[in-house]
Protein backbone atom coordinates (compact mmCIF):
# COMPACT_ATOMS: atom_id res chain seq x y z
CA MET A 1 -5.14 -48.76 52.14
CA ASP A 2 -6.45 -45.62 53.86
CA GLU A 3 -4.54 -46.27 56.97
CA ILE A 4 -1.49 -46.98 54.94
CA GLU A 5 -1.81 -43.51 52.95
CA LYS A 6 -2.54 -41.71 56.46
CA LEU A 7 0.77 -43.25 57.78
CA ARG A 8 2.77 -42.24 54.66
CA ALA A 9 1.34 -38.55 55.42
CA ASP A 10 2.12 -38.89 59.17
CA LEU A 11 5.82 -40.17 58.27
CA VAL A 12 6.34 -37.12 55.62
CA LEU A 13 5.15 -34.71 58.48
CA ALA A 14 7.54 -36.26 61.02
CA GLY A 15 10.67 -35.84 58.79
CA TRP A 16 10.78 -39.23 57.26
CA ARG A 17 11.76 -39.74 53.84
CA ILE A 18 9.65 -41.72 51.25
CA GLU A 19 11.41 -44.18 48.53
CA LEU A 20 10.18 -46.35 46.00
CA ASN A 21 10.69 -50.00 47.23
CA SER A 22 12.30 -51.63 44.33
CA LEU A 23 12.69 -54.92 46.34
CA ASN A 24 8.98 -54.98 47.02
CA HIS A 25 7.08 -58.21 46.79
CA ASN A 26 4.76 -58.17 43.49
CA ARG A 27 1.83 -59.12 45.65
CA ASN A 28 2.39 -56.01 47.90
CA LEU A 29 0.00 -53.31 46.92
CA VAL A 30 2.46 -50.68 48.58
CA ASP A 31 5.23 -49.48 46.61
CA TRP A 32 7.31 -47.31 49.06
CA TYR A 33 9.04 -47.45 52.48
CA ALA A 34 10.16 -44.88 54.37
CA TRP A 35 13.50 -44.02 56.43
CA HIS A 36 14.46 -41.36 58.85
CA PRO A 37 17.38 -39.11 58.08
CA LYS A 38 18.23 -38.39 61.91
CA ARG A 39 19.53 -41.54 63.48
CA PRO A 40 19.93 -41.60 67.61
CA ASP A 41 23.61 -40.50 68.30
CA ASP A 42 24.27 -43.28 70.52
CA TRP A 43 23.65 -46.00 68.10
CA PRO A 44 27.11 -47.50 67.18
CA ASN A 45 28.25 -47.08 63.44
CA CYS A 46 27.28 -49.60 60.81
CA GLN A 47 30.71 -50.74 59.30
CA SER A 48 29.94 -50.50 55.84
CA SER A 49 28.42 -46.99 55.92
CA ASP A 50 30.38 -45.48 58.88
CA LYS A 51 27.13 -43.84 60.39
CA PRO A 52 24.42 -45.34 62.59
CA PRO A 53 22.08 -47.52 60.56
CA ALA A 54 18.92 -46.42 59.33
CA LEU A 55 15.57 -47.05 60.73
CA CYS A 56 13.19 -47.93 57.83
CA ILE A 57 9.46 -48.67 57.92
CA TYR A 58 7.99 -50.85 55.12
CA PRO A 59 4.11 -51.03 54.91
CA HIS A 60 2.55 -54.20 53.53
CA ALA A 61 -0.90 -54.61 52.04
CA PHE A 62 -2.15 -57.57 50.46
CA ASN A 63 -5.83 -58.45 48.87
CA LEU A 64 -7.02 -61.61 50.32
CA PRO A 65 -9.90 -62.45 47.80
CA GLN A 66 -11.00 -65.50 49.85
CA GLN A 67 -12.11 -63.12 52.73
CA GLU A 68 -12.92 -60.31 50.57
CA LYS A 69 -10.38 -57.87 52.31
CA THR A 70 -7.01 -56.33 52.43
CA PHE A 71 -4.73 -57.39 54.93
CA ALA A 72 -2.44 -54.37 55.97
CA SER A 73 0.50 -54.38 58.31
CA VAL A 74 3.93 -52.41 58.94
CA GLU A 75 7.25 -53.40 59.65
CA ALA A 76 10.04 -51.32 61.45
CA GLU A 77 13.81 -52.18 60.62
CA VAL A 78 17.17 -51.69 61.70
CA CYS A 79 19.94 -53.21 59.08
CA GLY A 80 23.76 -52.99 59.23
CA GLU A 81 27.07 -54.30 59.60
CA LEU A 82 29.01 -55.07 62.79
CA ALA A 83 32.14 -56.46 62.89
CA GLY A 84 31.95 -57.97 59.46
CA ARG A 85 28.42 -59.53 59.99
CA TRP A 86 25.19 -58.26 58.85
CA TYR A 87 22.28 -57.82 61.08
CA LYS A 88 18.33 -57.23 60.38
CA LEU A 89 16.45 -56.29 63.56
CA ARG A 90 12.77 -55.98 63.04
CA SER A 91 9.61 -55.56 64.65
CA TYR A 92 6.49 -56.49 62.56
CA SER A 93 2.69 -56.97 62.27
CA ILE A 94 2.10 -53.48 63.35
CA THR A 95 -0.92 -51.91 62.39
CA ALA A 96 -0.63 -48.73 60.19
CA GLY A 97 -2.97 -46.94 62.83
CA GLU A 98 -0.65 -47.66 65.67
CA ALA A 99 2.51 -47.35 63.78
CA MET A 100 3.05 -43.55 64.61
CA ALA A 101 2.31 -43.90 68.34
CA ALA A 102 4.48 -47.12 68.53
CA LEU A 103 7.68 -45.83 66.75
CA PRO A 104 9.28 -44.28 69.74
CA LYS A 105 9.35 -47.43 71.58
CA ILE A 106 10.20 -49.61 68.65
CA THR A 107 13.00 -47.38 67.92
CA GLU A 108 14.31 -47.53 71.51
CA SER A 109 14.01 -51.45 71.41
CA LEU A 110 15.72 -51.88 68.17
CA GLY A 111 18.50 -49.46 69.22
CA ALA A 112 18.84 -51.31 72.11
CA ALA A 113 19.43 -54.69 70.42
CA TRP A 114 21.75 -52.89 68.14
CA LYS A 115 23.71 -51.50 70.74
CA ALA A 116 23.71 -55.06 72.54
CA ILE A 117 25.05 -56.77 69.38
CA ALA A 118 27.95 -54.06 68.94
CA ALA A 119 29.09 -54.52 72.28
CA LEU A 120 29.25 -58.35 71.97
CA ASP A 121 30.93 -58.10 68.61
CA THR A 122 33.58 -55.75 69.97
CA GLN A 123 34.67 -58.00 73.00
CA PRO A 124 37.45 -60.38 72.44
CA ALA A 125 36.80 -63.86 71.75
């Protein structure tokens, strides 16, 4: 859990907002998620919010009693609506220790996927 708390502190220092994760699974020991208020300008707008979709970070930590340890990982996610369909794009199984260094590439990859979907959904059938 120390890595998760360090990640939280690093995210706050980098301008991320921390919120209570009300949809959290009851076995997840982490009760928060993070989102960044600044979104890349070249990401097409989410249809329902009329602004680019948020990039969110969801940390997870679970006790594994049979192995006497805690398993922790992080997911990065872009979720939004394009042309009447909802999409959830995710990178997962990221260690808390590597998350900050991995975020630029993950953001680029998820953004490229979001833009590709937007391009497909705006072309005539």
